[in-house]
Amino acid sequence: RIVQALGAAILVPASLALVVEAFPPDRRSHAIGLWGASAALASGLG
């Protein structure tokens, strides 16, 4: 579980950084909101 948490700690900020890099400033907040929606969806389906 410790190894699993380390993988998650590497995965989560990298995925958010990919979203921030891909979108222009005027659309970035909406993209981050959709990224957060995926986490909320996981909390519902889990």
All heavy atoms as atom14 arrays in JSON, in Angstrom:
{
  "sequence": "RIVQALGAAILVPASLALVVEAFPPDRRSHAIGLWGASAALASGLG",
  "atom14_mask": [
    [1, 1, 1, 1, 1, 1, 1, 1, 1, 1, 1, 0, 0, 0],
    [1, 1, 1, 1, 1, 1, 1, 1, 0, 0, 0, 0, 0, 0],
    [1, 1, 1, 1, 1, 1, 1, 0, 0, 0, 0, 0, 0, 0],
    [1, 1, 1, 1, 1, 1, 1, 1, 1, 0, 0, 0, 0, 0],
    [1, 1, 1, 1, 1, 0, 0, 0, 0, 0, 0, 0, 0, 0],
    [1, 1, 1, 1, 1, 1, 1, 1, 0, 0, 0, 0, 0, 0],
    [1, 1, 1, 1, 0, 0, 0, 0, 0, 0, 0, 0, 0, 0],
    [1, 1, 1, 1, 1, 0, 0, 0, 0, 0, 0, 0, 0, 0],
    [1, 1, 1, 1, 1, 0, 0, 0, 0, 0, 0, 0, 0, 0],
    [1, 1, 1, 1, 1, 1, 1, 1, 0, 0, 0, 0, 0, 0],
    [1, 1, 1, 1, 1, 1, 1, 1, 0, 0, 0, 0, 0, 0],
    [1, 1, 1, 1, 1, 1, 1, 0, 0, 0, 0, 0, 0, 0],
    [1, 1, 1, 1, 1, 1, 1, 0, 0, 0, 0, 0, 0, 0],
    [1, 1, 1, 1, 1, 0, 0, 0, 0, 0, 0, 0, 0, 0],
    [1, 1, 1, 1, 1, 1, 0, 0, 0, 0, 0, 0, 0, 0],
    [1, 1, 1, 1, 1, 1, 1, 1, 0, 0, 0, 0, 0, 0],
    [1, 1, 1, 1, 1, 0, 0, 0, 0, 0, 0, 0, 0, 0],
    [1, 1, 1, 1, 1, 1, 1, 1, 0, 0, 0, 0, 0, 0],
    [1, 1, 1, 1, 1, 1, 1, 0, 0, 0, 0, 0, 0, 0],
    [1, 1, 1, 1, 1, 1, 1, 0, 0, 0, 0, 0, 0, 0],
    [1, 1, 1, 1, 1, 1, 1, 1, 1, 0, 0, 0, 0, 0],
    [1, 1, 1, 1, 1, 0, 0, 0, 0, 0, 0, 0, 0, 0],
    [1, 1, 1, 1, 1, 1, 1, 1, 1, 1, 1, 0, 0, 0],
    [1, 1, 1, 1, 1, 1, 1, 0, 0, 0, 0, 0, 0, 0],
    [1, 1, 1, 1, 1, 1, 1, 0, 0, 0, 0, 0, 0, 0],
    [1, 1, 1, 1, 1, 1, 1, 1, 0, 0, 0, 0, 0, 0],
    [1, 1, 1, 1, 1, 1, 1, 1, 1, 1, 1, 0, 0, 0],
    [1, 1, 1, 1, 1, 1, 1, 1, 1, 1, 1, 0, 0, 0],
    [1, 1, 1, 1, 1, 1, 0, 0, 0, 0, 0, 0, 0, 0],
    [1, 1, 1, 1, 1, 1, 1, 1, 1, 1, 0, 0, 0, 0],
    [1, 1, 1, 1, 1, 0, 0, 0, 0, 0, 0, 0, 0, 0],
    [1, 1, 1, 1, 1, 1, 1, 1, 0, 0, 0, 0, 0, 0],
    [1, 1, 1, 1, 0, 0, 0, 0, 0, 0, 0, 0, 0, 0],
    [1, 1, 1, 1, 1, 1, 1, 1, 0, 0, 0, 0, 0, 0],
    [1, 1, 1, 1, 1, 1, 1, 1, 1, 1, 1, 1, 1, 1],
    [1, 1, 1, 1, 0, 0, 0, 0, 0, 0, 0, 0, 0, 0],
    [1, 1, 1, 1, 1, 0, 0, 0, 0, 0, 0, 0, 0, 0],
    [1, 1, 1, 1, 1, 1, 0, 0, 0, 0, 0, 0, 0, 0],
    [1, 1, 1, 1, 1, 0, 0, 0, 0, 0, 0, 0, 0, 0],
    [1, 1, 1, 1, 1, 0, 0, 0, 0, 0, 0, 0, 0, 0],
    [1, 1, 1, 1, 1, 1, 1, 1, 0, 0, 0, 0, 0, 0],
    [1, 1, 1, 1, 1, 0, 0, 0, 0, 0, 0, 0, 0, 0],
    [1, 1, 1, 1, 1, 1, 0, 0, 0, 0, 0, 0, 0, 0],
    [1, 1, 1, 1, 0, 0, 0, 0, 0, 0, 0, 0, 0, 0],
    [1, 1, 1, 1, 1, 1, 1, 1, 0, 0, 0, 0, 0, 0],
    [1, 1, 1, 1, 0, 0, 0, 0, 0, 0, 0, 0, 0, 0]
  ],
  "atom14_positions": [
    [[0.83, -1.2, 0.0], [0.0, 0.0, 0.0], [0.86, 1.26, 0.0], [0.5, 2.28, -0.59], [-0.92, 0.0, 1.22], [-2.08, -0.96, 1.11], [-3.18, -0.39, 0.24], [-3.91, 0.68, 0.9], [-4.82, 1.44, 0.31], [-5.07, 1.3, -0.98], [-5.46, 2.38, 0.98], [0.0, 0.0, 0.0], [0.0, 0.0, 0.0], [0.0, 0.0, 0.0]],
    [[2.03, 1.19, 0.66], [2.95, 2.32, 0.63], [3.45, 2.56, -0.8], [3.51, 3.7, -1.27], [4.13, 2.05, 1.59], [3.64, 2.1, 3.04], [5.25, 3.06, 1.38], [4.69, 1.72, 4.06], [0.0, 0.0, 0.0], [0.0, 0.0, 0.0], [0.0, 0.0, 0.0], [0.0, 0.0, 0.0], [0.0, 0.0, 0.0], [0.0, 0.0, 0.0]],
    [[3.81, 1.48, -1.49], [4.24, 1.61, -2.88], [3.1, 2.14, -3.74], [3.3, 2.98, -4.64], [4.75, 0.26, -3.41], [5.19, 0.37, -4.85], [5.9, -0.25, -2.55], [0.0, 0.0, 0.0], [0.0, 0.0, 0.0], [0.0, 0.0, 0.0], [0.0, 0.0, 0.0], [0.0, 0.0, 0.0], [0.0, 0.0, 0.0], [0.0, 0.0, 0.0]],
    [[1.91, 1.69, -3.48], [0.75, 2.15, -4.24], [0.52, 3.65, -4.01], [0.23, 4.39, -4.96], [-0.49, 1.36, -3.8], [-1.69, 1.54, -4.69], [-2.89, 0.76, -4.17], [-3.11, 0.67, -2.96], [-3.67, 0.2, -5.07], [0.0, 0.0, 0.0], [0.0, 0.0, 0.0], [0.0, 0.0, 0.0], [0.0, 0.0, 0.0], [0.0, 0.0, 0.0]],
    [[0.67, 4.1, -2.77], [0.51, 5.52, -2.48], [1.58, 6.36, -3.16], [1.32, 7.47, -3.62], [0.56, 5.74, -0.97], [0.0, 0.0, 0.0], [0.0, 0.0, 0.0], [0.0, 0.0, 0.0], [0.0, 0.0, 0.0], [0.0, 0.0, 0.0], [0.0, 0.0, 0.0], [0.0, 0.0, 0.0], [0.0, 0.0, 0.0], [0.0, 0.0, 0.0]],
    [[2.8, 5.83, -3.23], [3.86, 6.55, -3.93], [3.52, 6.71, -5.41], [3.74, 7.78, -6.0], [5.18, 5.81, -3.76], [6.42, 6.45, -4.39], [6.65, 7.84, -3.81], [7.64, 5.57, -4.17], [0.0, 0.0, 0.0], [0.0, 0.0, 0.0], [0.0, 0.0, 0.0], [0.0, 0.0, 0.0], [0.0, 0.0, 0.0], [0.0, 0.0, 0.0]],
    [[2.99, 5.65, -6.03], [2.57, 5.77, -7.42], [1.46, 6.79, -7.6], [1.47, 7.57, -8.57], [0.0, 0.0, 0.0], [0.0, 0.0, 0.0], [0.0, 0.0, 0.0], [0.0, 0.0, 0.0], [0.0, 0.0, 0.0], [0.0, 0.0, 0.0], [0.0, 0.0, 0.0], [0.0, 0.0, 0.0], [0.0, 0.0, 0.0], [0.0, 0.0, 0.0]],
    [[0.5, 6.82, -6.68], [-0.58, 7.81, -6.77], [-0.05, 9.22, -6.57], [-0.52, 10.16, -7.24], [-1.65, 7.49, -5.72], [0.0, 0.0, 0.0], [0.0, 0.0, 0.0], [0.0, 0.0, 0.0], [0.0, 0.0, 0.0], [0.0, 0.0, 0.0], [0.0, 0.0, 0.0], [0.0, 0.0, 0.0], [0.0, 0.0, 0.0], [0.0, 0.0, 0.0]],
    [[0.92, 9.4, -5.67], [1.5, 10.72, -5.44], [2.26, 11.23, -6.66], [2.35, 12.44, -6.87], [2.43, 10.67, -4.23], [0.0, 0.0, 0.0], [0.0, 0.0, 0.0], [0.0, 0.0, 0.0], [0.0, 0.0, 0.0], [0.0, 0.0, 0.0], [0.0, 0.0, 0.0], [0.0, 0.0, 0.0], [0.0, 0.0, 0.0], [0.0, 0.0, 0.0]],
    [[2.81, 10.34, -7.45], [3.46, 10.74, -8.7], [2.43, 10.99, -9.8], [2.55, 11.93, -10.59], [4.46, 9.66, -9.15], [5.55, 9.47, -8.09], [5.08, 10.0, -10.49], [6.48, 8.29, -8.37], [0.0, 0.0, 0.0], [0.0, 0.0, 0.0], [0.0, 0.0, 0.0], [0.0, 0.0, 0.0], [0.0, 0.0, 0.0], [0.0, 0.0, 0.0]],
    [[1.4, 10.18, -9.83], [0.41, 10.22, -10.89], [-0.47, 11.46, -10.83], [-0.69, 12.14, -11.85], [-0.44, 8.94, -10.81], [-1.82, 8.93, -11.44], [-1.71, 9.07, -12.94], [-2.56, 7.65, -11.06], [0.0, 0.0, 0.0], [0.0, 0.0, 0.0], [0.0, 0.0, 0.0], [0.0, 0.0, 0.0], [0.0, 0.0, 0.0], [0.0, 0.0, 0.0]],
    [[-0.99, 11.79, -9.66], [-2.01, 12.83, -9.55], [-1.48, 14.21, -9.96], [-2.09, 14.89, -10.8], [-2.61, 12.84, -8.13], [-3.5, 14.07, -7.93], [-3.41, 11.57, -7.89], [0.0, 0.0, 0.0], [0.0, 0.0, 0.0], [0.0, 0.0, 0.0], [0.0, 0.0, 0.0], [0.0, 0.0, 0.0], [0.0, 0.0, 0.0], [0.0, 0.0, 0.0]],
    [[-0.37, 14.72, -9.39], [0.09, 16.05, -9.82], [0.54, 16.08, -11.28], [0.39, 17.11, -11.95], [1.26, 16.34, -8.87], [1.72, 15.02, -8.38], [0.5, 14.16, -8.34], [0.0, 0.0, 0.0], [0.0, 0.0, 0.0], [0.0, 0.0, 0.0], [0.0, 0.0, 0.0], [0.0, 0.0, 0.0], [0.0, 0.0, 0.0], [0.0, 0.0, 0.0]],
    [[1.09, 14.97, -11.79], [1.49, 14.96, -13.2], [0.27, 15.06, -14.11], [0.31, 15.76, -15.14], [2.28, 13.69, -13.5], [0.0, 0.0, 0.0], [0.0, 0.0, 0.0], [0.0, 0.0, 0.0], [0.0, 0.0, 0.0], [0.0, 0.0, 0.0], [0.0, 0.0, 0.0], [0.0, 0.0, 0.0], [0.0, 0.0, 0.0], [0.0, 0.0, 0.0]],
    [[-0.8, 14.39, -13.76], [-2.01, 14.46, -14.59], [-2.6, 15.86, -14.59], [-3.04, 16.37, -15.63], [-3.04, 13.43, -14.1], [-3.52, 13.77, -12.8], [0.0, 0.0, 0.0], [0.0, 0.0, 0.0], [0.0, 0.0, 0.0], [0.0, 0.0, 0.0], [0.0, 0.0, 0.0], [0.0, 0.0, 0.0], [0.0, 0.0, 0.0], [0.0, 0.0, 0.0]],
    [[-2.59, 16.52, -13.43], [-3.11, 17.89, -13.37], [-2.2, 18.85, -14.14], [-2.69, 19.76, -14.83], [-3.23, 18.33, -11.91], [-3.75, 19.75, -11.68], [-5.12, 19.94, -12.32], [-3.81, 20.06, -10.19], [0.0, 0.0, 0.0], [0.0, 0.0, 0.0], [0.0, 0.0, 0.0], [0.0, 0.0, 0.0], [0.0, 0.0, 0.0], [0.0, 0.0, 0.0]],
    [[-0.89, 18.64, -14.05], [0.04, 19.5, -14.79], [-0.14, 19.35, -16.3], [0.0, 20.32, -17.05], [1.48, 19.17, -14.4], [0.0, 0.0, 0.0], [0.0, 0.0, 0.0], [0.0, 0.0, 0.0], [0.0, 0.0, 0.0], [0.0, 0.0, 0.0], [0.0, 0.0, 0.0], [0.0, 0.0, 0.0], [0.0, 0.0, 0.0], [0.0, 0.0, 0.0]],
    [[-0.45, 18.16, -16.76], [-0.71, 17.95, -18.19], [-1.93, 18.76, -18.64], [-1.93, 19.34, -19.74], [-0.93, 16.46, -18.46], [0.3, 15.57, -18.41], [-0.1, 14.1, -18.4], [1.22, 15.85, -19.6], [0.0, 0.0, 0.0], [0.0, 0.0, 0.0], [0.0, 0.0, 0.0], [0.0, 0.0, 0.0], [0.0, 0.0, 0.0], [0.0, 0.0, 0.0]],
    [[-2.95, 18.82, -17.81], [-4.15, 19.59, -18.16], [-3.83, 21.08, -18.18], [-4.23, 21.8, -19.1], [-5.28, 19.28, -17.15], [-6.49, 20.18, -17.41], [-5.69, 17.82, -17.25], [0.0, 0.0, 0.0], [0.0, 0.0, 0.0], [0.0, 0.0, 0.0], [0.0, 0.0, 0.0], [0.0, 0.0, 0.0], [0.0, 0.0, 0.0], [0.0, 0.0, 0.0]],
    [[-3.11, 21.56, -17.19], [-2.76, 22.98, -17.12], [-1.92, 23.39, -18.33], [-2.1, 24.47, -18.91], [-2.01, 23.28, -15.8], [-1.48, 24.7, -15.8], [-2.93, 23.07, -14.62], [0.0, 0.0, 0.0], [0.0, 0.0, 0.0], [0.0, 0.0, 0.0], [0.0, 0.0, 0.0], [0.0, 0.0, 0.0], [0.0, 0.0, 0.0], [0.0, 0.0, 0.0]],
    [[-1.0, 22.52, -18.75], [-0.13, 22.83, -19.88], [-0.9, 22.83, -21.19], [-0.59, 23.61, -22.1], [0.99, 21.79, -19.93], [1.88, 21.86, -21.16], [2.77, 23.09, -21.18], [2.95, 23.71, -20.1], [3.28, 23.44, -22.25], [0.0, 0.0, 0.0], [0.0, 0.0, 0.0], [0.0, 0.0, 0.0], [0.0, 0.0, 0.0], [0.0, 0.0, 0.0]],
    [[-1.91, 21.99, -21.32], [-2.59, 21.81, -22.6], [-3.58, 22.92, -22.92], [-3.87, 23.17, -24.09], [-3.3, 20.45, -22.64], [0.0, 0.0, 0.0], [0.0, 0.0, 0.0], [0.0, 0.0, 0.0], [0.0, 0.0, 0.0], [0.0, 0.0, 0.0], [0.0, 0.0, 0.0], [0.0, 0.0, 0.0], [0.0, 0.0, 0.0], [0.0, 0.0, 0.0]],
    [[-4.13, 23.59, -21.9], [-5.21, 24.54, -22.13], [-4.73, 25.97, -21.97], [-3.89, 26.26, -21.11], [-6.36, 24.28, -21.15], [-7.22, 23.1, -21.52], [-6.81, 21.81, -21.21], [-8.42, 23.28, -22.18], [-7.58, 20.72, -21.55], [-9.21, 22.19, -22.53], [-8.78, 20.91, -22.22], [0.0, 0.0, 0.0], [0.0, 0.0, 0.0], [0.0, 0.0, 0.0]],
    [[-5.25, 26.9, -22.77], [-4.91, 28.32, -22.63], [-5.53, 28.88, -21.35], [-6.46, 28.28, -20.78], [-5.52, 28.96, -23.88], [-6.63, 28.04, -24.27], [-6.18, 26.66, -23.9], [0.0, 0.0, 0.0], [0.0, 0.0, 0.0], [0.0, 0.0, 0.0], [0.0, 0.0, 0.0], [0.0, 0.0, 0.0], [0.0, 0.0, 0.0], [0.0, 0.0, 0.0]],
    [[-5.03, 30.03, -20.86], [-5.53, 30.57, -19.59], [-7.03, 30.8, -19.55], [-7.66, 30.62, -18.51], [-4.74, 31.89, -19.45], [-3.49, 31.67, -20.23], [-3.89, 30.8, -21.4], [0.0, 0.0, 0.0], [0.0, 0.0, 0.0], [0.0, 0.0, 0.0], [0.0, 0.0, 0.0], [0.0, 0.0, 0.0], [0.0, 0.0, 0.0], [0.0, 0.0, 0.0]],
    [[-7.63, 31.2, -20.68], [-9.05, 31.51, -20.64], [-9.93, 30.27, -20.53], [-11.12, 30.38, -20.2], [-9.44, 32.31, -21.89], [-9.13, 31.57, -23.17], [-8.19, 30.74, -23.16], [-9.82, 31.81, -24.19], [0.0, 0.0, 0.0], [0.0, 0.0, 0.0], [0.0, 0.0, 0.0], [0.0, 0.0, 0.0], [0.0, 0.0, 0.0], [0.0, 0.0, 0.0]],
    [[-9.38, 29.09, -20.78], [-10.16, 27.85, -20.68], [-9.6, 26.9, -19.62], [-10.11, 25.8, -19.46], [-10.17, 27.15, -22.04], [-10.78, 27.97, -23.16], [-10.69, 27.23, -24.47], [-11.32, 25.93, -24.39], [-11.1, 24.94, -25.24], [-10.24, 25.11, -26.23], [-11.71, 23.79, -25.11], [0.0, 0.0, 0.0], [0.0, 0.0, 0.0], [0.0, 0.0, 0.0]],
    [[-8.58, 27.32, -18.94], [-7.88, 26.43, -18.02], [-8.74, 26.07, -16.81], [-8.75, 24.92, -16.36], [-6.58, 27.09, -17.59], [-5.63, 26.19, -16.82], [-4.29, 26.85, -16.7], [-3.64, 27.0, -18.0], [-2.66, 27.87, -18.25], [-2.25, 28.69, -17.3], [-2.12, 27.91, -19.45], [0.0, 0.0, 0.0], [0.0, 0.0, 0.0], [0.0, 0.0, 0.0]],
    [[-9.44, 27.03, -16.26], [-10.24, 26.76, -15.06], [-11.34, 25.73, -15.36], [-11.61, 24.84, -14.53], [-10.86, 28.06, -14.54], [-9.87, 28.96, -14.13], [0.0, 0.0, 0.0], [0.0, 0.0, 0.0], [0.0, 0.0, 0.0], [0.0, 0.0, 0.0], [0.0, 0.0, 0.0], [0.0, 0.0, 0.0], [0.0, 0.0, 0.0], [0.0, 0.0, 0.0]],
    [[-11.96, 25.85, -16.52], [-13.0, 24.88, -16.88], [-12.4, 23.49, -17.04], [-13.0, 22.49, -16.61], [-13.68, 25.32, -18.17], [-14.79, 24.41, -18.6], [-15.79, 24.0, -17.75], [-15.05, 23.82, -19.81], [-16.63, 23.2, -18.41], [-16.19, 23.07, -19.64], [0.0, 0.0, 0.0], [0.0, 0.0, 0.0], [0.0, 0.0, 0.0], [0.0, 0.0, 0.0]],
    [[-11.2, 23.41, -17.62], [-10.55, 22.12, -17.78], [-10.2, 21.51, -16.43], [-10.37, 20.29, -16.21], [-9.29, 22.27, -18.64], [0.0, 0.0, 0.0], [0.0, 0.0, 0.0], [0.0, 0.0, 0.0], [0.0, 0.0, 0.0], [0.0, 0.0, 0.0], [0.0, 0.0, 0.0], [0.0, 0.0, 0.0], [0.0, 0.0, 0.0], [0.0, 0.0, 0.0]],
    [[-9.72, 22.32, -15.51], [-9.4, 21.82, -14.17], [-10.67, 21.35, -13.48], [-10.66, 20.35, -12.73], [-8.67, 22.9, -13.37], [-7.31, 23.19, -13.99], [-8.5, 22.47, -11.91], [-6.56, 24.32, -13.33], [0.0, 0.0, 0.0], [0.0, 0.0, 0.0], [0.0, 0.0, 0.0], [0.0, 0.0, 0.0], [0.0, 0.0, 0.0], [0.0, 0.0, 0.0]],
    [[-11.78, 22.06, -13.71], [-13.04, 21.62, -13.14], [-13.46, 20.25, -13.66], [-13.95, 19.4, -12.91], [0.0, 0.0, 0.0], [0.0, 0.0, 0.0], [0.0, 0.0, 0.0], [0.0, 0.0, 0.0], [0.0, 0.0, 0.0], [0.0, 0.0, 0.0], [0.0, 0.0, 0.0], [0.0, 0.0, 0.0], [0.0, 0.0, 0.0], [0.0, 0.0, 0.0]],
    [[-13.25, 20.01, -14.95], [-13.57, 18.7, -15.52], [-12.64, 17.63, -14.96], [-13.06, 16.49, -14.72], [-13.46, 18.75, -17.04], [-14.5, 19.62, -17.75], [-14.2, 19.69, -19.24], [-15.91, 19.07, -17.53], [0.0, 0.0, 0.0], [0.0, 0.0, 0.0], [0.0, 0.0, 0.0], [0.0, 0.0, 0.0], [0.0, 0.0, 0.0], [0.0, 0.0, 0.0]],
    [[-11.37, 17.99, -14.77], [-10.43, 17.05, -14.15], [-10.89, 16.69, -12.74], [-10.87, 15.52, -12.33], [-9.04, 17.67, -14.12], [-7.98, 16.82, -13.5], [-7.22, 15.88, -14.13], [-7.55, 16.83, -12.13], [-6.34, 15.3, -13.24], [-6.51, 15.86, -12.01], [-7.93, 17.54, -11.01], [-5.87, 15.61, -10.8], [-7.29, 17.3, -9.8], [-6.27, 16.35, -9.72]],
    [[-11.33, 17.68, -11.99], [-11.87, 17.41, -10.65], [-13.16, 16.61, -10.69], [-13.42, 15.81, -9.79], [0.0, 0.0, 0.0], [0.0, 0.0, 0.0], [0.0, 0.0, 0.0], [0.0, 0.0, 0.0], [0.0, 0.0, 0.0], [0.0, 0.0, 0.0], [0.0, 0.0, 0.0], [0.0, 0.0, 0.0], [0.0, 0.0, 0.0], [0.0, 0.0, 0.0]],
    [[-13.94, 16.8, -11.75], [-15.17, 16.03, -11.87], [-14.87, 14.55, -12.03], [-15.65, 13.7, -11.56], [-15.98, 16.53, -13.07], [0.0, 0.0, 0.0], [0.0, 0.0, 0.0], [0.0, 0.0, 0.0], [0.0, 0.0, 0.0], [0.0, 0.0, 0.0], [0.0, 0.0, 0.0], [0.0, 0.0, 0.0], [0.0, 0.0, 0.0], [0.0, 0.0, 0.0]],
    [[-13.75, 14.21, -12.68], [-13.4, 12.8, -12.81], [-13.09, 12.18, -11.46], [-13.43, 11.02, -11.19], [-12.19, 12.65, -13.75], [-11.03, 13.22, -13.17], [0.0, 0.0, 0.0], [0.0, 0.0, 0.0], [0.0, 0.0, 0.0], [0.0, 0.0, 0.0], [0.0, 0.0, 0.0], [0.0, 0.0, 0.0], [0.0, 0.0, 0.0], [0.0, 0.0, 0.0]],
    [[-12.46, 12.96, -10.57], [-12.2, 12.47, -9.21], [-13.52, 12.28, -8.45], [-13.69, 11.29, -7.72], [-11.29, 13.44, -8.46], [0.0, 0.0, 0.0], [0.0, 0.0, 0.0], [0.0, 0.0, 0.0], [0.0, 0.0, 0.0], [0.0, 0.0, 0.0], [0.0, 0.0, 0.0], [0.0, 0.0, 0.0], [0.0, 0.0, 0.0], [0.0, 0.0, 0.0]],
    [[-14.44, 13.22, -8.63], [-15.75, 13.07, -7.97], [-16.5, 11.87, -8.52], [-17.18, 11.15, -7.78], [-16.57, 14.35, -8.16], [0.0, 0.0, 0.0], [0.0, 0.0, 0.0], [0.0, 0.0, 0.0], [0.0, 0.0, 0.0], [0.0, 0.0, 0.0], [0.0, 0.0, 0.0], [0.0, 0.0, 0.0], [0.0, 0.0, 0.0], [0.0, 0.0, 0.0]],
    [[-16.38, 11.65, -9.83], [-17.04, 10.48, -10.42], [-16.44, 9.18, -9.87], [-17.17, 8.21, -9.62], [-16.88, 10.53, -11.94], [-17.59, 9.44, -12.75], [-19.09, 9.52, -12.54], [-17.25, 9.55, -14.23], [0.0, 0.0, 0.0], [0.0, 0.0, 0.0], [0.0, 0.0, 0.0], [0.0, 0.0, 0.0], [0.0, 0.0, 0.0], [0.0, 0.0, 0.0]],
    [[-15.13, 9.17, -9.68], [-14.49, 7.99, -9.08], [-15.0, 7.77, -7.67], [-15.21, 6.62, -7.25], [-12.98, 8.17, -9.08], [0.0, 0.0, 0.0], [0.0, 0.0, 0.0], [0.0, 0.0, 0.0], [0.0, 0.0, 0.0], [0.0, 0.0, 0.0], [0.0, 0.0, 0.0], [0.0, 0.0, 0.0], [0.0, 0.0, 0.0], [0.0, 0.0, 0.0]],
    [[-15.2, 8.85, -6.92], [-15.74, 8.72, -5.57], [-17.15, 8.15, -5.57], [-17.58, 7.51, -4.6], [-15.73, 10.09, -4.88], [-14.43, 10.62, -4.81], [0.0, 0.0, 0.0], [0.0, 0.0, 0.0], [0.0, 0.0, 0.0], [0.0, 0.0, 0.0], [0.0, 0.0, 0.0], [0.0, 0.0, 0.0], [0.0, 0.0, 0.0], [0.0, 0.0, 0.0]],
    [[-17.89, 8.39, -6.68], [-19.23, 7.85, -6.76], [-19.28, 6.42, -7.25], [-20.1, 5.62, -6.77], [0.0, 0.0, 0.0], [0.0, 0.0, 0.0], [0.0, 0.0, 0.0], [0.0, 0.0, 0.0], [0.0, 0.0, 0.0], [0.0, 0.0, 0.0], [0.0, 0.0, 0.0], [0.0, 0.0, 0.0], [0.0, 0.0, 0.0], [0.0, 0.0, 0.0]],
    [[-18.4, 6.07, -8.18], [-18.42, 4.72, -8.72], [-17.63, 3.73, -7.86], [-17.89, 2.53, -7.91], [-17.85, 4.72, -10.14], [-18.65, 5.5, -11.19], [-17.97, 5.42, -12.54], [-20.07, 4.97, -11.28], [0.0, 0.0, 0.0], [0.0, 0.0, 0.0], [0.0, 0.0, 0.0], [0.0, 0.0, 0.0], [0.0, 0.0, 0.0], [0.0, 0.0, 0.0]],
    [[-16.65, 4.23, -7.1], [-15.84, 3.33, -6.28], [-16.63, 2.53, -5.26], [-16.47, 1.29, -5.19], [0.0, 0.0, 0.0], [0.0, 0.0, 0.0], [0.0, 0.0, 0.0], [0.0, 0.0, 0.0], [0.0, 0.0, 0.0], [0.0, 0.0, 0.0], [0.0, 0.0, 0.0], [0.0, 0.0, 0.0], [0.0, 0.0, 0.0], [0.0, 0.0, 0.0]]
  ]
}
